[in-house]
Amino acid sequence: MDVRDSNGAILQDGDNVTLIKDLKVKGTSETLKRGTMIKGIQLTDNPDEVNCRHAKIKGLVLRAEFLKKA
């Protein structure tokens, strides 16, 4: 099962991605800005979601539709 970013590129474990939209993070006062680089994503069982880490936020799950392969 392929996980695709907003442009249709196939994502794999360990890829670097950038955000295409400002995203508010539930449970925190943080907002991830458009263009933020997320390094080393991990795929999940759900093809619409990826696990990733950000400097300030642990256990972050992002929807693939808001990502672009870097």
PDB file of N, CA and C in Angstrom:
ATOM      1  N   MET A   1       0.847  -1.179   0.000  1.00  0.00           N
ATOM      2  CA  MET A   1       0.000   0.000   0.000  1.00  0.00           C
ATOM      3  C   MET A   1       0.896   1.246   0.000  1.00  0.00           C
ATOM      4  N   ASP A   2       0.740   2.093  -1.012  1.00  0.00           N
ATOM      5  CA  ASP A   2       1.580   3.276  -1.158  1.00  0.00           C
ATOM      6  C   ASP A   2       1.027   4.451  -0.367  1.00  0.00           C
ATOM      7  N   VAL A   3       1.949   5.195   0.249  1.00  0.00           N
ATOM      8  CA  VAL A   3       1.596   6.451   0.916  1.00  0.00           C
ATOM      9  C   VAL A   3       2.078   7.564   0.000  1.00  0.00           C
ATOM     10  N   ARG A   4       1.181   8.463  -0.367  1.00  0.00           N
ATOM     11  CA  ARG A   4       1.520   9.529  -1.305  1.00  0.00           C
ATOM     12  C   ARG A   4       1.374  10.896  -0.657  1.00  0.00           C
ATOM     13  N   ASP A   5       2.261  11.821  -1.039  1.00  0.00           N
ATOM     14  CA  ASP A   5       2.179  13.188  -0.531  1.00  0.00           C
ATOM     15  C   ASP A   5       1.172  13.998  -1.341  1.00  0.00           C
ATOM     16  N   SER A   6       1.122  15.297  -1.113  1.00  0.00           N
ATOM     17  CA  SER A   6       0.134  16.152  -1.777  1.00  0.00           C
ATOM     18  C   SER A   6       0.330  16.216  -3.290  1.00  0.00           C
ATOM     19  N   ASN A   7       1.551  15.963  -3.771  1.00  0.00           N
ATOM     20  CA  ASN A   7       1.837  16.002  -5.203  1.00  0.00           C
ATOM     21  C   ASN A   7       1.774  14.633  -5.856  1.00  0.00           C
ATOM     22  N   GLY A   8       1.497  13.594  -5.076  1.00  0.00           N
ATOM     23  CA  GLY A   8       1.402  12.254  -5.624  1.00  0.00           C
ATOM     24  C   GLY A   8       2.696  11.465  -5.573  1.00  0.00           C
ATOM     25  N   ALA A   9       3.761  12.032  -4.999  1.00  0.00           N
ATOM     26  CA  ALA A   9       5.033  11.314  -4.871  1.00  0.00           C
ATOM     27  C   ALA A   9       4.904  10.267  -3.767  1.00  0.00           C
ATOM     28  N   ILE A  10       5.504   9.108  -3.978  1.00  0.00           N
ATOM     29  CA  ILE A  10       5.432   8.030  -2.992  1.00  0.00           C
ATOM     30  C   ILE A  10       6.406   8.314  -1.852  1.00  0.00           C
ATOM     31  N   LEU A  11       5.903   8.224  -0.613  1.00  0.00           N
ATOM     32  CA  LEU A  11       6.724   8.437   0.575  1.00  0.00           C
ATOM     33  C   LEU A  11       7.189   7.101   1.130  1.00  0.00           C
ATOM     34  N   GLN A  12       8.404   7.091   1.693  1.00  0.00           N
ATOM     35  CA  GLN A  12       8.973   5.894   2.308  1.00  0.00           C
ATOM     36  C   GLN A  12       9.508   6.256   3.684  1.00  0.00           C
ATOM     37  N   ASP A  13       9.735   5.224   4.514  1.00  0.00           N
ATOM     38  CA  ASP A  13      10.325   5.455   5.835  1.00  0.00           C
ATOM     39  C   ASP A  13      11.643   6.207   5.693  1.00  0.00           C
ATOM     40  N   GLY A  14      11.849   7.209   6.543  1.00  0.00           N
ATOM     41  CA  GLY A  14      13.100   7.956   6.552  1.00  0.00           C
ATOM     42  C   GLY A  14      13.135   9.147   5.617  1.00  0.00           C
ATOM     43  N   ASP A  15      12.089   9.362   4.823  1.00  0.00           N
ATOM     44  CA  ASP A  15      12.059  10.517   3.916  1.00  0.00           C
ATOM     45  C   ASP A  15      11.964  11.824   4.700  1.00  0.00           C
ATOM     46  N   ASN A  16      12.444  12.883   4.082  1.00  0.00           N
ATOM     47  CA  ASN A  16      12.273  14.232   4.617  1.00  0.00           C
ATOM     48  C   ASN A  16      11.127  14.888   3.857  1.00  0.00           C
ATOM     49  N   VAL A  17      10.267  15.595   4.589  1.00  0.00           N
ATOM     50  CA  VAL A  17       9.117  16.249   3.975  1.00  0.00           C
ATOM     51  C   VAL A  17       9.013  17.684   4.485  1.00  0.00           C
ATOM     52  N   THR A  18       8.281  18.514   3.739  1.00  0.00           N
ATOM     53  CA  THR A  18       7.984  19.873   4.183  1.00  0.00           C
ATOM     54  C   THR A  18       6.472  20.033   4.240  1.00  0.00           C
ATOM     55  N   LEU A  19       6.018  20.925   5.109  1.00  0.00           N
ATOM     56  CA  LEU A  19       4.591  21.188   5.245  1.00  0.00           C
ATOM     57  C   LEU A  19       4.142  22.153   4.164  1.00  0.00           C
ATOM     58  N   ILE A  20       2.951  21.948   3.632  1.00  0.00           N
ATOM     59  CA  ILE A  20       2.430  22.837   2.590  1.00  0.00           C
ATOM     60  C   ILE A  20       1.385  23.798   3.156  1.00  0.00           C
ATOM     61  N   LYS A  21       1.144  23.721   4.474  1.00  0.00           N
ATOM     62  CA  LYS A  21       0.101  24.527   5.102  1.00  0.00           C
ATOM     63  C   LYS A  21       0.435  24.714   6.573  1.00  0.00           C
ATOM     64  N   ASP A  22       0.076  25.853   7.163  1.00  0.00           N
ATOM     65  CA  ASP A  22       0.219  26.038   8.608  1.00  0.00           C
ATOM     66  C   ASP A  22      -0.721  25.075   9.317  1.00  0.00           C
ATOM     67  N   LEU A  23      -0.201  24.359  10.312  1.00  0.00           N
ATOM     68  CA  LEU A  23      -1.018  23.380  11.030  1.00  0.00           C
ATOM     69  C   LEU A  23      -0.967  23.647  12.522  1.00  0.00           C
ATOM     70  N   LYS A  24      -2.135  23.767  13.152  1.00  0.00           N
ATOM     71  CA  LYS A  24      -2.212  23.866  14.610  1.00  0.00           C
ATOM     72  C   LYS A  24      -2.108  22.452  15.156  1.00  0.00           C
ATOM     73  N   VAL A  25      -1.341  22.290  16.233  1.00  0.00           N
ATOM     74  CA  VAL A  25      -1.148  20.976  16.829  1.00  0.00           C
ATOM     75  C   VAL A  25      -2.082  20.852  18.028  1.00  0.00           C
ATOM     76  N   LYS A  26      -2.960  19.859  17.981  1.00  0.00           N
ATOM     77  CA  LYS A  26      -3.908  19.657  19.074  1.00  0.00           C
ATOM     78  C   LYS A  26      -3.171  19.347  20.369  1.00  0.00           C
ATOM     79  N   GLY A  27      -3.664  19.893  21.475  1.00  0.00           N
ATOM     80  CA  GLY A  27      -3.083  19.609  22.778  1.00  0.00           C
ATOM     81  C   GLY A  27      -1.909  20.494  23.139  1.00  0.00           C
ATOM     82  N   THR A  28      -1.479  21.352  22.209  1.00  0.00           N
ATOM     83  CA  THR A  28      -0.384  22.286  22.495  1.00  0.00           C
ATOM     84  C   THR A  28      -0.765  23.653  21.948  1.00  0.00           C
ATOM     85  N   SER A  29       0.050  24.633  22.283  1.00  0.00           N
ATOM     86  CA  SER A  29      -0.176  25.975  21.731  1.00  0.00           C
ATOM     87  C   SER A  29       0.687  26.197  20.489  1.00  0.00           C
ATOM     88  N   GLU A  30       1.330  25.138  20.016  1.00  0.00           N
ATOM     89  CA  GLU A  30       2.233  25.236  18.868  1.00  0.00           C
ATOM     90  C   GLU A  30       1.483  25.277  17.543  1.00  0.00           C
ATOM     91  N   THR A  31       2.035  26.019  16.591  1.00  0.00           N
ATOM     92  CA  THR A  31       1.581  25.987  15.207  1.00  0.00           C
ATOM     93  C   THR A  31       2.790  25.688  14.345  1.00  0.00           C
ATOM     94  N   LEU A  32       2.701  24.643  13.552  1.00  0.00           N
ATOM     95  CA  LEU A  32       3.783  24.315  12.620  1.00  0.00           C
ATOM     96  C   LEU A  32       3.561  25.138  11.363  1.00  0.00           C
ATOM     97  N   LYS A  33       4.540  25.919  10.990  1.00  0.00           N
ATOM     98  CA  LYS A  33       4.415  26.844   9.866  1.00  0.00           C
ATOM     99  C   LYS A  33       4.649  26.149   8.527  1.00  0.00           C
ATOM    100  N   ARG A  34       4.040  26.709   7.501  1.00  0.00           N
ATOM    101  CA  ARG A  34       4.235  26.229   6.135  1.00  0.00           C
ATOM    102  C   ARG A  34       5.727  26.287   5.795  1.00  0.00           C
ATOM    103  N   GLY A  35       6.245  25.251   5.156  1.00  0.00           N
ATOM    104  CA  GLY A  35       7.656  25.209   4.788  1.00  0.00           C
ATOM    105  C   GLY A  35       8.542  24.564   5.835  1.00  0.00           C
ATOM    106  N   THR A  36       7.990  24.185   6.989  1.00  0.00           N
ATOM    107  CA  THR A  36       8.775  23.526   8.036  1.00  0.00           C
ATOM    108  C   THR A  36       9.245  22.163   7.542  1.00  0.00           C
ATOM    109  N   MET A  37      10.535  21.886   7.703  1.00  0.00           N
ATOM    110  CA  MET A  37      11.108  20.602   7.290  1.00  0.00           C
ATOM    111  C   MET A  37      10.946  19.591   8.417  1.00  0.00           C
ATOM    112  N   ILE A  38      10.382  18.440   8.081  1.00  0.00           N
ATOM    113  CA  ILE A  38      10.261  17.322   9.018  1.00  0.00           C
ATOM    114  C   ILE A  38      11.163  16.217   8.487  1.00  0.00           C
ATOM    115  N   LYS A  39      12.129  15.792   9.305  1.00  0.00           N
ATOM    116  CA  LYS A  39      13.109  14.807   8.855  1.00  0.00           C
ATOM    117  C   LYS A  39      12.793  13.428   9.399  1.00  0.00           C
ATOM    118  N   GLY A  40      13.009  12.416   8.591  1.00  0.00           N
ATOM    119  CA  GLY A  40      12.923  11.021   9.024  1.00  0.00           C
ATOM    120  C   GLY A  40      11.533  10.571   9.417  1.00  0.00           C
ATOM    121  N   ILE A  41      10.571  10.658   8.500  1.00  0.00           N
ATOM    122  CA  ILE A  41       9.217  10.222   8.816  1.00  0.00           C
ATOM    123  C   ILE A  41       9.150   8.706   8.937  1.00  0.00           C
ATOM    124  N   GLN A  42       8.107   8.215   9.605  1.00  0.00           N
ATOM    125  CA  GLN A  42       7.855   6.780   9.702  1.00  0.00           C
ATOM    126  C   GLN A  42       6.433   6.528   9.236  1.00  0.00           C
ATOM    127  N   LEU A  43       6.257   5.546   8.375  1.00  0.00           N
ATOM    128  CA  LEU A  43       4.936   5.212   7.871  1.00  0.00           C
ATOM    129  C   LEU A  43       4.146   4.442   8.924  1.00  0.00           C
ATOM    130  N   THR A  44       2.822   4.563   8.869  1.00  0.00           N
ATOM    131  CA  THR A  44       1.941   3.844   9.784  1.00  0.00           C
ATOM    132  C   THR A  44       1.107   2.847   8.990  1.00  0.00           C
ATOM    133  N   ASP A  45       0.243   2.108   9.675  1.00  0.00           N
ATOM    134  CA  ASP A  45      -0.658   1.173   8.996  1.00  0.00           C
ATOM    135  C   ASP A  45      -1.702   1.915   8.175  1.00  0.00           C
ATOM    136  N   ASN A  46      -1.996   3.159   8.555  1.00  0.00           N
ATOM    137  CA  ASN A  46      -2.960   3.989   7.841  1.00  0.00           C
ATOM    138  C   ASN A  46      -2.230   4.745   6.726  1.00  0.00           C
ATOM    139  N   PRO A  47      -2.598   4.574   5.451  1.00  0.00           N
ATOM    140  CA  PRO A  47      -1.877   5.243   4.359  1.00  0.00           C
ATOM    141  C   PRO A  47      -2.067   6.758   4.325  1.00  0.00           C
ATOM    142  N   ASP A  48      -2.985   7.295   5.142  1.00  0.00           N
ATOM    143  CA  ASP A  48      -3.212   8.742   5.164  1.00  0.00           C
ATOM    144  C   ASP A  48      -2.384   9.452   6.225  1.00  0.00           C
ATOM    145  N   GLU A  49      -1.687   8.699   7.083  1.00  0.00           N
ATOM    146  CA  GLU A  49      -0.975   9.307   8.201  1.00  0.00           C
ATOM    147  C   GLU A  49       0.473   8.842   8.267  1.00  0.00           C
ATOM    148  N   VAL A  50       1.351   9.728   8.778  1.00  0.00           N
ATOM    149  CA  VAL A  50       2.752   9.383   9.012  1.00  0.00           C
ATOM    150  C   VAL A  50       3.144   9.843  10.414  1.00  0.00           C
ATOM    151  N   ASN A  51       4.004   9.072  11.065  1.00  0.00           N
ATOM    152  CA  ASN A  51       4.568   9.458  12.359  1.00  0.00           C
ATOM    153  C   ASN A  51       5.817  10.272  12.096  1.00  0.00           C
ATOM    154  N   CYS A  52       6.037  11.300  12.913  1.00  0.00           N
ATOM    155  CA  CYS A  52       7.258  12.081  12.767  1.00  0.00           C
ATOM    156  C   CYS A  52       7.584  12.752  14.086  1.00  0.00           C
ATOM    157  N   ARG A  53       8.782  13.326  14.145  1.00  0.00           N
ATOM    158  CA  ARG A  53       9.209  14.037  15.335  1.00  0.00           C
ATOM    159  C   ARG A  53       9.583  15.445  14.948  1.00  0.00           C
ATOM    160  N   HIS A  54       9.260  16.364  15.834  1.00  0.00           N
ATOM    161  CA  HIS A  54       9.632  17.761  15.671  1.00  0.00           C
ATOM    162  C   HIS A  54      10.352  18.154  16.947  1.00  0.00           C
ATOM    163  N   ALA A  55      11.194  19.167  16.897  1.00  0.00           N
ATOM    164  CA  ALA A  55      12.016  19.547  18.038  1.00  0.00           C
ATOM    165  C   ALA A  55      11.199  19.769  19.312  1.00  0.00           C
ATOM    166  N   LYS A  56      10.027  20.364  19.190  1.00  0.00           N
ATOM    167  CA  LYS A  56       9.239  20.715  20.371  1.00  0.00           C
ATOM    168  C   LYS A  56       8.103  19.747  20.642  1.00  0.00           C
ATOM    169  N   ILE A  57       7.770  18.879  19.687  1.00  0.00           N
ATOM    170  CA  ILE A  57       6.579  18.039  19.805  1.00  0.00           C
ATOM    171  C   ILE A  57       6.959  16.578  19.596  1.00  0.00           C
ATOM    172  N   LYS A  58       6.689  15.757  20.582  1.00  0.00           N
ATOM    173  CA  LYS A  58       6.982  14.320  20.477  1.00  0.00           C
ATOM    174  C   LYS A  58       5.713  13.571  20.089  1.00  0.00           C
ATOM    175  N   GLY A  59       5.861  12.479  19.357  1.00  0.00           N
ATOM    176  CA  GLY A  59       4.711  11.666  18.986  1.00  0.00           C
ATOM    177  C   GLY A  59       3.759  12.354  18.036  1.00  0.00           C
ATOM    178  N   LEU A  60       4.291  13.092  17.090  1.00  0.00           N
ATOM    179  CA  LEU A  60       3.480  13.850  16.154  1.00  0.00           C
ATOM    180  C   LEU A  60       3.011  12.952  15.007  1.00  0.00           C
ATOM    181  N   VAL A  61       1.714  13.005  14.693  1.00  0.00           N
ATOM    182  CA  VAL A  61       1.152  12.270  13.558  1.00  0.00           C
ATOM    183  C   VAL A  61       0.575  13.299  12.593  1.00  0.00           C
ATOM    184  N   LEU A  62       1.054  13.270  11.354  1.00  0.00           N
ATOM    185  CA  LEU A  62       0.587  14.223  10.346  1.00  0.00           C
ATOM    186  C   LEU A  62      -0.111  13.490   9.207  1.00  0.00           C
ATOM    187  N   ARG A  63      -1.072  14.143   8.603  1.00  0.00           N
ATOM    188  CA  ARG A  63      -1.763  13.592   7.441  1.00  0.00           C
ATOM    189  C   ARG A  63      -0.903  13.834   6.202  1.00  0.00           C
ATOM    190  N   ALA A  64      -0.806  12.820   5.352  1.00  0.00           N
ATOM    191  CA  ALA A  64       0.046  12.891   4.156  1.00  0.00           C
ATOM    192  C   ALA A  64      -0.408  13.986   3.191  1.00  0.00           C
ATOM    193  N   GLU A  65      -1.675  14.374   3.221  1.00  0.00           N
ATOM    194  CA  GLU A  65      -2.182  15.386   2.298  1.00  0.00           C
ATOM    195  C   GLU A  65      -1.592  16.770   2.566  1.00  0.00           C
ATOM    196  N   PHE A  66      -0.975  16.983   3.737  1.00  0.00           N
ATOM    197  CA  PHE A  66      -0.371  18.275   4.066  1.00  0.00           C
ATOM    198  C   PHE A  66       1.143  18.257   3.923  1.00  0.00           C
ATOM    199  N   LEU A  67       1.696  17.195   3.334  1.00  0.00           N
ATOM    200  CA  LEU A  67       3.145  17.044   3.203  1.00  0.00           C
ATOM    201  C   LEU A  67       3.576  17.069   1.744  1.00  0.00           C
ATOM    202  N   LYS A  68       4.825  17.508   1.546  1.00  0.00           N
ATOM    203  CA  LYS A  68       5.444  17.477   0.223  1.00  0.00           C
ATOM    204  C   LYS A  68       6.842  16.892   0.399  1.00  0.00           C
ATOM    205  N   LYS A  69       7.187  15.929  -0.431  1.00  0.00           N
ATOM    206  CA  LYS A  69       8.504  15.285  -0.326  1.00  0.00           C
ATOM    207  C   LYS A  69       9.583  16.318  -0.602  1.00  0.00           C
ATOM    208  N   ALA A  70      10.606  16.329   0.248  1.00  0.00           N
ATOM    209  CA  ALA A  70      11.686  17.320   0.093  1.00  0.00           C
ATOM    210  C   ALA A  70      12.784  16.799  -0.809  1.00  0.00           C
TER     211      ALA A  70
END
